[in-house]
């Protein structure tokens, strides 16, 4: 049986950055980076490749749609066009609508600041997740994605290893109990992102296992 510590070390070498980092988001506990993470989580929630979703997030940033106010003030067509430049097809029109709806809700309910959502949730992971699911087209998958990445700056979410991450752990022969896995690896958003990539791509698993 392989050494789980060595497997985790190889995972972190081969699996690449977090999805937020790949999208050019320098994640901090501030309104704009957290909002951009919510947008990325929305984009990743659809049945589309993570590479296209990340590219779409970059296009929205290039269009300066990095705050809920900017997103809401942009026209629906502006949002569709930005998604289209990233080849975010099939879901571009629905997602453009959802991004506008979520921006409107975030402004109305939390003054555009996801830190207020965190405060009103009492820093409780289940409540944070519940509130995130109310945003348009986020749902359970998007809430998991947001929490997996946000654990880097919101400590109360750690360890956040959802079913996708634990599926990746199973593929690598690692423990599938999240607390045991966290003890081996530390509370690392990079670990969670790496495990998700393994669950989605058998080639990465092969590289990690040598």
N, C-alpha and C. Protein backbone atom coordinates (compact mmCIF):
# COMPACT_ATOMS: atom_id res chain seq x y z
N UNK A 1 0.85 -1.20 0.00
CA UNK A 1 0.00 0.00 0.00
C UNK A 1 0.88 1.24 0.00
N UNK A 2 0.57 2.21 -0.86
CA UNK A 2 1.40 3.39 -0.98
C UNK A 2 1.28 4.26 0.27
N UNK A 3 2.33 5.05 0.49
CA UNK A 3 2.37 5.97 1.62
C UNK A 3 1.43 7.14 1.32
N UNK A 4 0.38 7.35 2.11
CA UNK A 4 -0.57 8.42 1.79
C UNK A 4 0.06 9.80 1.80
N UNK A 5 1.06 10.01 2.67
CA UNK A 5 1.71 11.31 2.71
C UNK A 5 2.44 11.60 1.41
N UNK A 6 3.11 10.57 0.86
CA UNK A 6 3.80 10.74 -0.42
C UNK A 6 2.81 10.96 -1.56
N UNK A 7 1.69 10.25 -1.49
CA UNK A 7 0.67 10.42 -2.52
C UNK A 7 0.13 11.84 -2.53
N UNK A 8 -0.12 12.38 -1.35
CA UNK A 8 -0.61 13.75 -1.23
C UNK A 8 0.42 14.74 -1.76
N UNK A 9 1.69 14.49 -1.44
CA UNK A 9 2.76 15.37 -1.93
C UNK A 9 2.79 15.36 -3.45
N UNK A 10 2.67 14.19 -4.05
CA UNK A 10 2.67 14.09 -5.52
C UNK A 10 1.41 14.73 -6.10
N UNK A 11 0.30 14.59 -5.41
CA UNK A 11 -0.94 15.23 -5.86
C UNK A 11 -0.75 16.73 -5.97
N UNK A 12 -0.18 17.33 -4.94
CA UNK A 12 0.00 18.78 -4.93
C UNK A 12 1.00 19.23 -6.00
N UNK A 13 1.90 18.31 -6.38
CA UNK A 13 2.85 18.62 -7.45
C UNK A 13 2.20 18.59 -8.83
N UNK A 14 1.27 17.65 -9.02
CA UNK A 14 0.74 17.38 -10.37
C UNK A 14 -0.62 18.00 -10.64
N UNK A 15 -1.40 18.31 -9.62
CA UNK A 15 -2.79 18.68 -9.85
C UNK A 15 -3.00 20.14 -10.23
N UNK A 16 -1.96 20.94 -10.08
CA UNK A 16 -2.10 22.33 -10.48
C UNK A 16 -2.69 23.22 -9.40
N UNK A 17 -2.99 24.47 -9.74
CA UNK A 17 -3.48 25.45 -8.76
C UNK A 17 -4.94 25.22 -8.42
N UNK A 18 -5.47 26.01 -7.51
CA UNK A 18 -6.91 26.00 -7.27
C UNK A 18 -7.60 26.58 -8.50
N UNK A 19 -8.90 26.34 -8.60
CA UNK A 19 -9.64 26.89 -9.73
C UNK A 19 -9.65 28.42 -9.68
N UNK A 20 -9.71 28.98 -8.47
CA UNK A 20 -9.68 30.44 -8.34
C UNK A 20 -8.36 31.00 -8.87
N UNK A 21 -7.26 30.37 -8.49
CA UNK A 21 -5.95 30.82 -8.99
C UNK A 21 -5.87 30.72 -10.50
N UNK A 22 -6.40 29.62 -11.04
CA UNK A 22 -6.38 29.42 -12.48
C UNK A 22 -7.19 30.51 -13.20
N UNK A 23 -8.23 30.97 -12.53
CA UNK A 23 -9.07 32.02 -13.11
C UNK A 23 -8.50 33.41 -12.88
N UNK A 24 -7.34 33.49 -12.24
CA UNK A 24 -6.71 34.79 -12.00
C UNK A 24 -7.25 35.52 -10.80
N UNK A 25 -7.92 34.79 -9.90
CA UNK A 25 -8.48 35.40 -8.70
C UNK A 25 -7.50 35.23 -7.54
N UNK A 26 -6.98 36.33 -7.06
CA UNK A 26 -6.14 36.29 -5.86
C UNK A 26 -7.08 36.38 -4.67
N UNK A 27 -7.38 35.22 -4.12
CA UNK A 27 -8.47 35.15 -3.14
C UNK A 27 -8.07 35.74 -1.79
N UNK A 28 -8.82 36.74 -1.38
CA UNK A 28 -8.68 37.35 -0.07
C UNK A 28 -10.08 37.56 0.49
N UNK A 29 -10.16 37.88 1.77
CA UNK A 29 -11.46 38.09 2.41
C UNK A 29 -11.93 39.52 2.16
N UNK A 30 -12.14 39.82 0.88
CA UNK A 30 -12.59 41.14 0.47
C UNK A 30 -13.73 40.99 -0.54
N UNK A 31 -14.56 42.01 -0.69
CA UNK A 31 -15.77 41.86 -1.51
C UNK A 31 -15.54 41.42 -2.95
N UNK A 32 -14.62 42.06 -3.67
CA UNK A 32 -14.47 41.73 -5.09
C UNK A 32 -13.95 40.31 -5.33
N UNK A 33 -12.87 39.89 -4.67
CA UNK A 33 -12.41 38.51 -4.90
C UNK A 33 -13.46 37.46 -4.51
N UNK A 34 -14.18 37.70 -3.44
CA UNK A 34 -15.22 36.75 -3.03
C UNK A 34 -16.35 36.73 -4.05
N UNK A 35 -16.70 37.88 -4.58
CA UNK A 35 -17.74 37.91 -5.62
C UNK A 35 -17.27 37.18 -6.87
N UNK A 36 -16.05 37.41 -7.27
CA UNK A 36 -15.52 36.72 -8.46
C UNK A 36 -15.51 35.21 -8.25
N UNK A 37 -15.28 34.78 -7.01
CA UNK A 37 -15.35 33.35 -6.71
C UNK A 37 -16.78 32.84 -6.85
N UNK A 38 -17.75 33.64 -6.42
CA UNK A 38 -19.15 33.24 -6.59
C UNK A 38 -19.50 33.11 -8.07
N UNK A 39 -19.02 34.04 -8.88
CA UNK A 39 -19.24 33.97 -10.32
C UNK A 39 -18.60 32.71 -10.89
N UNK A 40 -17.35 32.45 -10.51
CA UNK A 40 -16.66 31.25 -10.98
C UNK A 40 -17.42 29.99 -10.57
N UNK A 41 -17.91 29.97 -9.35
CA UNK A 41 -18.67 28.81 -8.87
C UNK A 41 -19.94 28.60 -9.69
N UNK A 42 -20.57 29.70 -10.08
CA UNK A 42 -21.76 29.62 -10.94
C UNK A 42 -21.39 29.03 -12.30
N UNK A 43 -20.29 29.50 -12.85
CA UNK A 43 -19.85 29.03 -14.17
C UNK A 43 -19.47 27.55 -14.15
N UNK A 44 -18.86 27.11 -13.06
CA UNK A 44 -18.43 25.72 -12.94
C UNK A 44 -19.59 24.77 -12.63
N UNK A 45 -20.74 25.32 -12.29
CA UNK A 45 -21.88 24.49 -11.88
C UNK A 45 -22.57 23.79 -13.05
N UNK A 46 -22.38 24.31 -14.25
CA UNK A 46 -23.05 23.74 -15.41
C UNK A 46 -22.26 22.55 -15.96
N UNK A 47 -22.89 21.79 -16.84
CA UNK A 47 -22.24 20.63 -17.45
C UNK A 47 -21.34 21.10 -18.59
N UNK A 48 -20.21 21.66 -18.20
CA UNK A 48 -19.25 22.20 -19.15
C UNK A 48 -17.86 22.00 -18.57
N UNK A 49 -16.86 21.95 -19.41
CA UNK A 49 -15.52 21.66 -18.89
C UNK A 49 -15.04 22.77 -17.97
N UNK A 50 -14.23 22.37 -16.97
CA UNK A 50 -13.71 23.36 -16.04
C UNK A 50 -12.82 24.37 -16.75
N UNK A 51 -12.12 23.93 -17.80
CA UNK A 51 -11.25 24.84 -18.54
C UNK A 51 -12.03 25.96 -19.20
N UNK A 52 -13.19 25.63 -19.78
CA UNK A 52 -14.03 26.64 -20.42
C UNK A 52 -14.62 27.57 -19.36
N UNK A 53 -15.06 26.99 -18.23
CA UNK A 53 -15.63 27.82 -17.16
C UNK A 53 -14.60 28.81 -16.62
N UNK A 54 -13.36 28.34 -16.45
CA UNK A 54 -12.30 29.22 -15.97
C UNK A 54 -12.01 30.32 -16.99
N UNK A 55 -11.99 29.94 -18.26
CA UNK A 55 -11.76 30.94 -19.32
C UNK A 55 -12.88 31.97 -19.34
N UNK A 56 -14.11 31.53 -19.09
CA UNK A 56 -15.25 32.46 -19.05
C UNK A 56 -15.10 33.44 -17.89
N UNK A 57 -14.64 32.95 -16.75
CA UNK A 57 -14.41 33.83 -15.60
C UNK A 57 -13.36 34.89 -15.94
N UNK A 58 -12.33 34.48 -16.66
CA UNK A 58 -11.30 35.43 -17.07
C UNK A 58 -11.86 36.49 -18.03
N UNK A 59 -12.73 36.06 -18.93
CA UNK A 59 -13.34 37.01 -19.88
C UNK A 59 -14.22 38.03 -19.15
N UNK A 60 -14.96 37.58 -18.16
CA UNK A 60 -15.79 38.50 -17.38
C UNK A 60 -14.92 39.50 -16.62
N UNK A 61 -13.78 39.04 -16.13
CA UNK A 61 -12.84 39.95 -15.46
C UNK A 61 -12.28 40.96 -16.46
N UNK A 62 -11.91 40.47 -17.65
CA UNK A 62 -11.37 41.36 -18.68
C UNK A 62 -12.40 42.43 -19.07
N UNK A 63 -13.68 42.06 -18.96
CA UNK A 63 -14.75 43.02 -19.26
C UNK A 63 -15.07 43.92 -18.06
N UNK A 64 -14.27 43.78 -17.01
CA UNK A 64 -14.38 44.58 -15.77
C UNK A 64 -15.68 44.29 -15.00
N UNK A 65 -16.20 43.08 -15.14
CA UNK A 65 -17.40 42.71 -14.40
C UNK A 65 -16.98 41.97 -13.13
N UNK A 66 -16.33 42.71 -12.24
CA UNK A 66 -15.72 42.12 -11.05
C UNK A 66 -16.43 42.47 -9.75
N UNK A 67 -17.53 43.19 -9.86
CA UNK A 67 -18.35 43.51 -8.69
C UNK A 67 -19.81 43.27 -9.07
N UNK A 68 -20.67 43.04 -8.10
CA UNK A 68 -22.08 42.85 -8.44
C UNK A 68 -22.70 44.07 -9.10
N UNK A 69 -22.26 45.26 -8.70
CA UNK A 69 -22.79 46.47 -9.33
C UNK A 69 -22.40 46.54 -10.80
N UNK A 70 -21.15 46.23 -11.10
CA UNK A 70 -20.69 46.24 -12.50
C UNK A 70 -21.43 45.18 -13.30
N UNK A 71 -21.63 44.01 -12.71
CA UNK A 71 -22.33 42.93 -13.41
C UNK A 71 -23.77 43.33 -13.70
N UNK A 72 -24.41 43.95 -12.74
CA UNK A 72 -25.81 44.34 -12.91
C UNK A 72 -25.95 45.49 -13.89
N UNK A 73 -24.99 46.40 -13.88
CA UNK A 73 -25.06 47.55 -14.78
C UNK A 73 -24.73 47.19 -16.22
N UNK A 74 -23.99 46.09 -16.41
CA UNK A 74 -23.70 45.64 -17.77
C UNK A 74 -24.98 45.13 -18.42
N UNK A 75 -25.05 45.23 -19.71
CA UNK A 75 -26.23 44.71 -20.39
C UNK A 75 -26.18 43.18 -20.44
N UNK A 76 -27.34 42.59 -20.59
CA UNK A 76 -27.41 41.14 -20.74
C UNK A 76 -26.54 40.69 -21.91
N UNK A 77 -26.56 41.44 -23.01
CA UNK A 77 -25.77 41.08 -24.19
C UNK A 77 -24.28 41.17 -23.90
N UNK A 78 -23.86 42.16 -23.09
CA UNK A 78 -22.45 42.25 -22.71
C UNK A 78 -22.00 40.97 -22.00
N UNK A 79 -22.86 40.46 -21.11
CA UNK A 79 -22.52 39.25 -20.38
C UNK A 79 -22.47 38.04 -21.32
N UNK A 80 -23.45 37.96 -22.21
CA UNK A 80 -23.47 36.87 -23.19
C UNK A 80 -22.21 36.91 -24.06
N UNK A 81 -21.84 38.09 -24.51
CA UNK A 81 -20.67 38.23 -25.38
C UNK A 81 -19.39 37.79 -24.67
N UNK A 82 -19.25 38.17 -23.40
CA UNK A 82 -18.05 37.78 -22.65
C UNK A 82 -17.98 36.26 -22.51
N UNK A 83 -19.11 35.64 -22.20
CA UNK A 83 -19.14 34.18 -22.10
C UNK A 83 -18.86 33.54 -23.45
N UNK A 84 -19.38 34.13 -24.50
CA UNK A 84 -19.17 33.59 -25.84
C UNK A 84 -17.70 33.62 -26.25
N UNK A 85 -16.98 34.66 -25.84
CA UNK A 85 -15.56 34.75 -26.19
C UNK A 85 -14.76 33.59 -25.60
N UNK A 86 -15.30 33.00 -24.52
CA UNK A 86 -14.65 31.85 -23.89
C UNK A 86 -15.23 30.53 -24.40
N UNK A 87 -16.10 30.61 -25.42
CA UNK A 87 -16.76 29.42 -25.97
C UNK A 87 -17.65 28.73 -24.94
N UNK A 88 -18.20 29.54 -24.04
CA UNK A 88 -19.12 29.02 -23.02
C UNK A 88 -20.49 28.92 -23.66
N UNK A 89 -20.63 27.95 -24.56
CA UNK A 89 -21.84 27.82 -25.37
C UNK A 89 -22.89 26.96 -24.66
N UNK A 90 -24.06 26.92 -25.24
CA UNK A 90 -25.23 26.18 -24.74
C UNK A 90 -25.84 26.82 -23.49
N UNK A 91 -24.97 27.28 -22.57
CA UNK A 91 -25.47 27.85 -21.32
C UNK A 91 -25.25 29.35 -21.23
N UNK A 92 -24.77 29.97 -22.31
CA UNK A 92 -24.37 31.37 -22.21
C UNK A 92 -25.54 32.29 -21.89
N UNK A 93 -26.66 32.10 -22.57
CA UNK A 93 -27.79 33.01 -22.33
C UNK A 93 -28.40 32.80 -20.94
N UNK A 94 -28.58 31.54 -20.55
CA UNK A 94 -29.13 31.25 -19.22
C UNK A 94 -28.20 31.77 -18.13
N UNK A 95 -26.90 31.57 -18.32
CA UNK A 95 -25.94 31.98 -17.30
C UNK A 95 -25.83 33.49 -17.24
N UNK A 96 -25.91 34.16 -18.38
CA UNK A 96 -25.89 35.63 -18.38
C UNK A 96 -27.06 36.17 -17.57
N UNK A 97 -28.21 35.55 -17.72
CA UNK A 97 -29.37 35.95 -16.92
C UNK A 97 -29.14 35.68 -15.44
N UNK A 98 -28.61 34.49 -15.14
CA UNK A 98 -28.38 34.11 -13.74
C UNK A 98 -27.38 35.05 -13.07
N UNK A 99 -26.35 35.44 -13.78
CA UNK A 99 -25.35 36.34 -13.19
C UNK A 99 -25.97 37.69 -12.84
N UNK A 100 -26.87 38.15 -13.68
CA UNK A 100 -27.57 39.40 -13.37
C UNK A 100 -28.48 39.24 -12.15
N UNK A 101 -29.18 38.12 -12.09
CA UNK A 101 -30.08 37.88 -10.95
C UNK A 101 -29.31 37.76 -9.64
N UNK A 102 -28.18 37.06 -9.69
CA UNK A 102 -27.38 36.89 -8.47
C UNK A 102 -26.78 38.20 -8.00
N UNK A 103 -26.33 39.00 -8.96
CA UNK A 103 -25.77 40.31 -8.60
C UNK A 103 -26.84 41.17 -7.93
N UNK A 104 -28.05 41.13 -8.47
CA UNK A 104 -29.15 41.91 -7.89
C UNK A 104 -29.46 41.43 -6.48
N UNK A 105 -29.48 40.11 -6.27
CA UNK A 105 -29.77 39.57 -4.95
C UNK A 105 -28.67 39.91 -3.95
N UNK A 106 -27.42 39.81 -4.40
CA UNK A 106 -26.30 40.11 -3.51
C UNK A 106 -26.34 41.57 -3.06
N UNK A 107 -26.66 42.45 -3.96
CA UNK A 107 -26.77 43.87 -3.61
C UNK A 107 -27.94 44.13 -2.66
N UNK A 108 -29.06 43.48 -2.94
CA UNK A 108 -30.26 43.71 -2.12
C UNK A 108 -30.15 43.11 -0.73
N UNK A 109 -29.60 41.90 -0.65
CA UNK A 109 -29.59 41.17 0.63
C UNK A 109 -28.35 41.42 1.47
N UNK A 110 -27.21 41.68 0.80
CA UNK A 110 -25.94 41.77 1.55
C UNK A 110 -25.11 42.99 1.14
N UNK A 111 -25.76 43.99 0.56
CA UNK A 111 -25.07 45.22 0.13
C UNK A 111 -23.87 44.92 -0.77
N UNK A 112 -23.96 43.82 -1.51
CA UNK A 112 -22.90 43.47 -2.45
C UNK A 112 -21.69 42.83 -1.83
N UNK A 113 -21.76 42.44 -0.58
CA UNK A 113 -20.58 41.96 0.16
C UNK A 113 -20.86 40.59 0.77
N UNK A 114 -20.20 39.57 0.24
CA UNK A 114 -20.41 38.21 0.74
C UNK A 114 -19.92 38.02 2.17
N UNK A 115 -19.11 38.93 2.67
CA UNK A 115 -18.71 38.84 4.08
C UNK A 115 -19.92 39.04 4.99
N UNK A 116 -20.91 39.79 4.51
CA UNK A 116 -22.13 39.97 5.30
C UNK A 116 -22.96 38.69 5.32
N UNK A 117 -22.94 37.95 4.21
CA UNK A 117 -23.58 36.64 4.20
C UNK A 117 -22.94 35.75 5.26
N UNK A 118 -21.62 35.77 5.31
CA UNK A 118 -20.89 34.97 6.31
C UNK A 118 -21.28 35.36 7.72
N UNK A 119 -21.36 36.67 7.97
CA UNK A 119 -21.72 37.15 9.31
C UNK A 119 -23.14 36.74 9.67
N UNK A 120 -24.06 36.93 8.73
CA UNK A 120 -25.46 36.60 9.01
C UNK A 120 -25.67 35.10 9.16
N UNK A 121 -24.76 34.32 8.58
CA UNK A 121 -24.80 32.86 8.73
C UNK A 121 -24.17 32.42 10.05
N UNK A 122 -23.66 33.37 10.82
CA UNK A 122 -23.03 33.04 12.10
C UNK A 122 -21.76 32.24 11.96
N UNK A 123 -21.10 32.36 10.80
CA UNK A 123 -19.87 31.62 10.52
C UNK A 123 -20.09 30.10 10.58
N UNK A 124 -21.32 29.66 10.39
CA UNK A 124 -21.64 28.22 10.42
C UNK A 124 -21.62 27.67 9.00
N UNK A 125 -20.78 26.66 8.73
CA UNK A 125 -20.65 26.14 7.37
C UNK A 125 -21.98 25.74 6.73
N UNK A 126 -22.83 25.05 7.46
CA UNK A 126 -24.11 24.61 6.88
C UNK A 126 -24.98 25.79 6.50
N UNK A 127 -24.95 26.83 7.32
CA UNK A 127 -25.77 28.01 7.04
C UNK A 127 -25.18 28.81 5.89
N UNK A 128 -23.85 28.89 5.83
CA UNK A 128 -23.20 29.57 4.70
C UNK A 128 -23.60 28.87 3.40
N UNK A 129 -23.51 27.56 3.40
CA UNK A 129 -23.85 26.78 2.21
C UNK A 129 -25.32 26.97 1.83
N UNK A 130 -26.18 26.96 2.82
CA UNK A 130 -27.62 27.14 2.58
C UNK A 130 -27.90 28.48 1.91
N UNK A 131 -27.25 29.53 2.39
CA UNK A 131 -27.47 30.86 1.82
C UNK A 131 -26.89 30.99 0.42
N UNK A 132 -25.75 30.35 0.18
CA UNK A 132 -25.15 30.38 -1.15
C UNK A 132 -26.06 29.74 -2.18
N UNK A 133 -26.76 28.69 -1.77
CA UNK A 133 -27.62 27.96 -2.69
C UNK A 133 -28.81 28.78 -3.18
N UNK A 134 -29.07 29.90 -2.54
CA UNK A 134 -30.19 30.75 -2.96
C UNK A 134 -29.85 31.61 -4.17
N UNK A 135 -28.56 31.72 -4.48
CA UNK A 135 -28.18 32.49 -5.67
C UNK A 135 -28.52 31.70 -6.93
N UNK A 136 -28.91 32.43 -7.96
CA UNK A 136 -29.37 31.83 -9.20
C UNK A 136 -28.31 30.90 -9.81
N UNK A 137 -28.73 29.68 -10.11
CA UNK A 137 -27.91 28.65 -10.76
C UNK A 137 -26.68 28.25 -9.94
N UNK A 138 -26.68 28.51 -8.66
CA UNK A 138 -25.57 28.03 -7.82
C UNK A 138 -25.91 26.62 -7.33
N UNK A 139 -26.93 26.47 -6.53
CA UNK A 139 -27.36 25.15 -6.10
C UNK A 139 -26.31 24.41 -5.26
N UNK A 140 -26.53 23.12 -5.01
CA UNK A 140 -25.60 22.35 -4.17
C UNK A 140 -24.19 22.27 -4.74
N UNK A 141 -24.08 22.08 -6.06
CA UNK A 141 -22.76 21.95 -6.68
C UNK A 141 -21.98 23.25 -6.55
N UNK A 142 -22.61 24.35 -6.91
CA UNK A 142 -21.93 25.64 -6.83
C UNK A 142 -21.55 26.02 -5.41
N UNK A 143 -22.43 25.70 -4.46
CA UNK A 143 -22.12 25.98 -3.06
C UNK A 143 -20.90 25.19 -2.60
N UNK A 144 -20.81 23.93 -3.04
CA UNK A 144 -19.64 23.12 -2.70
C UNK A 144 -18.37 23.71 -3.30
N UNK A 145 -18.46 24.13 -4.55
CA UNK A 145 -17.29 24.71 -5.20
C UNK A 145 -16.83 25.97 -4.46
N UNK A 146 -17.78 26.85 -4.15
CA UNK A 146 -17.42 28.07 -3.43
C UNK A 146 -16.76 27.74 -2.10
N UNK A 147 -17.35 26.84 -1.34
CA UNK A 147 -16.82 26.53 0.00
C UNK A 147 -15.46 25.84 -0.07
N UNK A 148 -15.27 24.96 -1.06
CA UNK A 148 -13.97 24.30 -1.23
C UNK A 148 -12.87 25.33 -1.40
N UNK A 149 -13.14 26.35 -2.21
CA UNK A 149 -12.12 27.36 -2.49
C UNK A 149 -12.03 28.40 -1.37
N UNK A 150 -13.19 28.78 -0.83
CA UNK A 150 -13.21 29.84 0.19
C UNK A 150 -12.62 29.40 1.51
N UNK A 151 -12.44 28.09 1.73
CA UNK A 151 -11.84 27.64 2.98
C UNK A 151 -10.43 28.21 3.17
N UNK A 152 -9.83 28.66 2.07
CA UNK A 152 -8.50 29.29 2.17
C UNK A 152 -8.54 30.58 2.97
N UNK A 153 -9.71 31.26 2.97
CA UNK A 153 -9.81 32.55 3.67
C UNK A 153 -10.90 32.56 4.74
N UNK A 154 -11.77 31.54 4.75
CA UNK A 154 -12.79 31.42 5.78
C UNK A 154 -12.51 30.15 6.59
N UNK A 155 -11.74 30.24 7.66
CA UNK A 155 -11.27 29.06 8.39
C UNK A 155 -12.37 28.14 8.89
N UNK A 156 -13.55 28.69 9.18
CA UNK A 156 -14.62 27.85 9.72
C UNK A 156 -15.08 26.79 8.73
N UNK A 157 -14.74 26.95 7.46
CA UNK A 157 -15.14 25.96 6.46
C UNK A 157 -14.21 24.74 6.43
N UNK A 158 -13.06 24.84 7.06
CA UNK A 158 -12.06 23.76 6.98
C UNK A 158 -12.36 22.61 7.95
N UNK A 159 -12.08 21.38 7.52
CA UNK A 159 -11.74 20.97 6.16
C UNK A 159 -12.99 20.82 5.31
N UNK A 160 -12.99 21.43 4.12
CA UNK A 160 -14.14 21.29 3.24
C UNK A 160 -13.76 20.34 2.12
N UNK A 161 -14.16 19.09 2.27
CA UNK A 161 -13.88 18.04 1.29
C UNK A 161 -15.21 17.39 0.95
N UNK A 162 -15.79 17.83 -0.15
CA UNK A 162 -17.11 17.34 -0.53
C UNK A 162 -17.00 16.00 -1.26
N UNK A 163 -18.12 15.52 -1.79
CA UNK A 163 -18.14 14.21 -2.44
C UNK A 163 -17.17 14.13 -3.61
N UNK A 164 -17.07 15.19 -4.42
CA UNK A 164 -16.15 15.18 -5.54
C UNK A 164 -14.71 15.00 -5.07
N UNK A 165 -14.34 15.73 -4.03
CA UNK A 165 -12.99 15.63 -3.49
C UNK A 165 -12.73 14.23 -2.92
N UNK A 166 -13.71 13.71 -2.21
CA UNK A 166 -13.54 12.38 -1.61
C UNK A 166 -13.53 11.29 -2.67
N UNK A 167 -14.22 11.50 -3.79
CA UNK A 167 -14.12 10.56 -4.91
C UNK A 167 -12.70 10.53 -5.45
N UNK A 168 -12.07 11.71 -5.52
CA UNK A 168 -10.68 11.78 -5.95
C UNK A 168 -9.75 11.08 -4.98
N UNK A 169 -10.02 11.25 -3.69
CA UNK A 169 -9.21 10.57 -2.68
C UNK A 169 -9.31 9.06 -2.84
N UNK A 170 -10.51 8.57 -3.07
CA UNK A 170 -10.72 7.13 -3.26
C UNK A 170 -9.95 6.63 -4.46
N UNK A 171 -9.95 7.38 -5.54
CA UNK A 171 -9.23 6.98 -6.75
C UNK A 171 -7.73 6.86 -6.50
N UNK A 172 -7.22 7.65 -5.56
CA UNK A 172 -5.78 7.62 -5.25
C UNK A 172 -5.46 6.66 -4.10
N UNK A 173 -6.47 5.99 -3.56
CA UNK A 173 -6.23 5.09 -2.44
C UNK A 173 -5.98 5.82 -1.14
N UNK A 174 -6.45 7.06 -1.05
CA UNK A 174 -6.31 7.84 0.17
C UNK A 174 -7.53 7.64 1.07
N UNK A 175 -7.44 7.98 2.35
CA UNK A 175 -8.60 7.88 3.23
C UNK A 175 -9.77 8.71 2.69
N UNK A 176 -10.97 8.21 2.85
CA UNK A 176 -12.15 8.95 2.40
C UNK A 176 -12.92 9.55 3.56
N UNK A 177 -12.38 9.44 4.76
CA UNK A 177 -12.92 10.16 5.90
C UNK A 177 -12.28 11.55 5.89
N UNK A 178 -13.11 12.58 5.81
CA UNK A 178 -12.55 13.92 5.60
C UNK A 178 -11.67 14.38 6.75
N UNK A 179 -11.99 14.00 7.98
CA UNK A 179 -11.17 14.44 9.11
C UNK A 179 -9.81 13.75 9.09
N UNK A 180 -9.82 12.45 8.74
CA UNK A 180 -8.55 11.72 8.65
C UNK A 180 -7.69 12.28 7.52
N UNK A 181 -8.33 12.57 6.40
CA UNK A 181 -7.61 13.13 5.26
C UNK A 181 -7.04 14.50 5.60
N UNK A 182 -7.81 15.31 6.30
CA UNK A 182 -7.33 16.63 6.70
C UNK A 182 -6.14 16.53 7.65
N UNK A 183 -6.18 15.52 8.53
CA UNK A 183 -5.05 15.35 9.46
C UNK A 183 -3.77 15.02 8.69
N UNK A 184 -3.91 14.24 7.62
CA UNK A 184 -2.74 13.87 6.83
C UNK A 184 -2.20 15.03 6.01
N UNK A 185 -3.14 15.85 5.52
CA UNK A 185 -2.75 16.85 4.52
C UNK A 185 -2.77 18.28 5.00
N UNK A 186 -3.39 18.53 6.15
CA UNK A 186 -3.59 19.91 6.56
C UNK A 186 -4.84 20.45 5.90
N UNK A 187 -5.29 21.57 6.39
CA UNK A 187 -6.53 22.17 5.86
C UNK A 187 -6.20 23.04 4.66
N UNK A 188 -6.19 22.42 3.49
CA UNK A 188 -5.64 23.09 2.33
C UNK A 188 -6.64 23.13 1.19
N UNK A 189 -6.99 24.32 0.71
CA UNK A 189 -7.89 24.43 -0.43
C UNK A 189 -7.25 23.83 -1.67
N UNK A 190 -5.93 23.87 -1.76
CA UNK A 190 -5.22 23.28 -2.89
C UNK A 190 -5.42 21.78 -2.92
N UNK A 191 -5.42 21.15 -1.76
CA UNK A 191 -5.67 19.70 -1.67
C UNK A 191 -7.05 19.38 -2.23
N UNK A 192 -8.06 20.12 -1.79
CA UNK A 192 -9.42 19.86 -2.25
C UNK A 192 -9.54 20.03 -3.76
N UNK A 193 -8.95 21.09 -4.29
CA UNK A 193 -9.00 21.33 -5.74
C UNK A 193 -8.29 20.20 -6.49
N UNK A 194 -7.15 19.76 -5.95
CA UNK A 194 -6.41 18.68 -6.59
C UNK A 194 -7.19 17.39 -6.62
N UNK A 195 -7.84 17.07 -5.53
CA UNK A 195 -8.64 15.85 -5.46
C UNK A 195 -9.81 15.91 -6.44
N UNK A 196 -10.41 17.07 -6.59
CA UNK A 196 -11.50 17.22 -7.56
C UNK A 196 -10.97 16.99 -8.97
N UNK A 197 -9.81 17.54 -9.28
CA UNK A 197 -9.23 17.34 -10.62
C UNK A 197 -8.98 15.85 -10.87
N UNK A 198 -8.52 15.14 -9.86
CA UNK A 198 -8.30 13.70 -10.00
C UNK A 198 -9.62 12.99 -10.27
N UNK A 199 -10.69 13.41 -9.59
CA UNK A 199 -12.00 12.77 -9.78
C UNK A 199 -12.53 13.00 -11.19
N UNK A 200 -12.08 14.08 -11.83
CA UNK A 200 -12.56 14.43 -13.17
C UNK A 200 -11.65 13.92 -14.28
N UNK A 201 -10.41 13.60 -13.94
CA UNK A 201 -9.42 13.28 -14.98
C UNK A 201 -8.54 12.10 -14.53
N UNK A 202 -8.74 10.95 -15.15
CA UNK A 202 -7.97 9.76 -14.79
C UNK A 202 -6.48 9.91 -15.10
N UNK A 203 -6.15 10.74 -16.08
CA UNK A 203 -4.75 10.93 -16.44
C UNK A 203 -3.97 11.58 -15.30
N UNK A 204 -4.60 12.52 -14.61
CA UNK A 204 -3.94 13.15 -13.46
C UNK A 204 -3.73 12.10 -12.37
N UNK A 205 -4.71 11.25 -12.16
CA UNK A 205 -4.57 10.17 -11.17
C UNK A 205 -3.39 9.28 -11.51
N UNK A 206 -3.23 8.95 -12.79
CA UNK A 206 -2.11 8.11 -13.20
C UNK A 206 -0.77 8.79 -12.94
N UNK A 207 -0.71 10.09 -13.21
CA UNK A 207 0.52 10.83 -12.96
C UNK A 207 0.88 10.84 -11.47
N UNK A 208 -0.14 11.03 -10.65
CA UNK A 208 0.09 11.08 -9.20
C UNK A 208 0.55 9.72 -8.67
N UNK A 209 -0.06 8.66 -9.18
CA UNK A 209 0.27 7.32 -8.70
C UNK A 209 1.53 6.76 -9.36
N UNK A 210 2.04 7.48 -10.34
CA UNK A 210 3.27 7.05 -10.98
C UNK A 210 3.09 5.84 -11.86
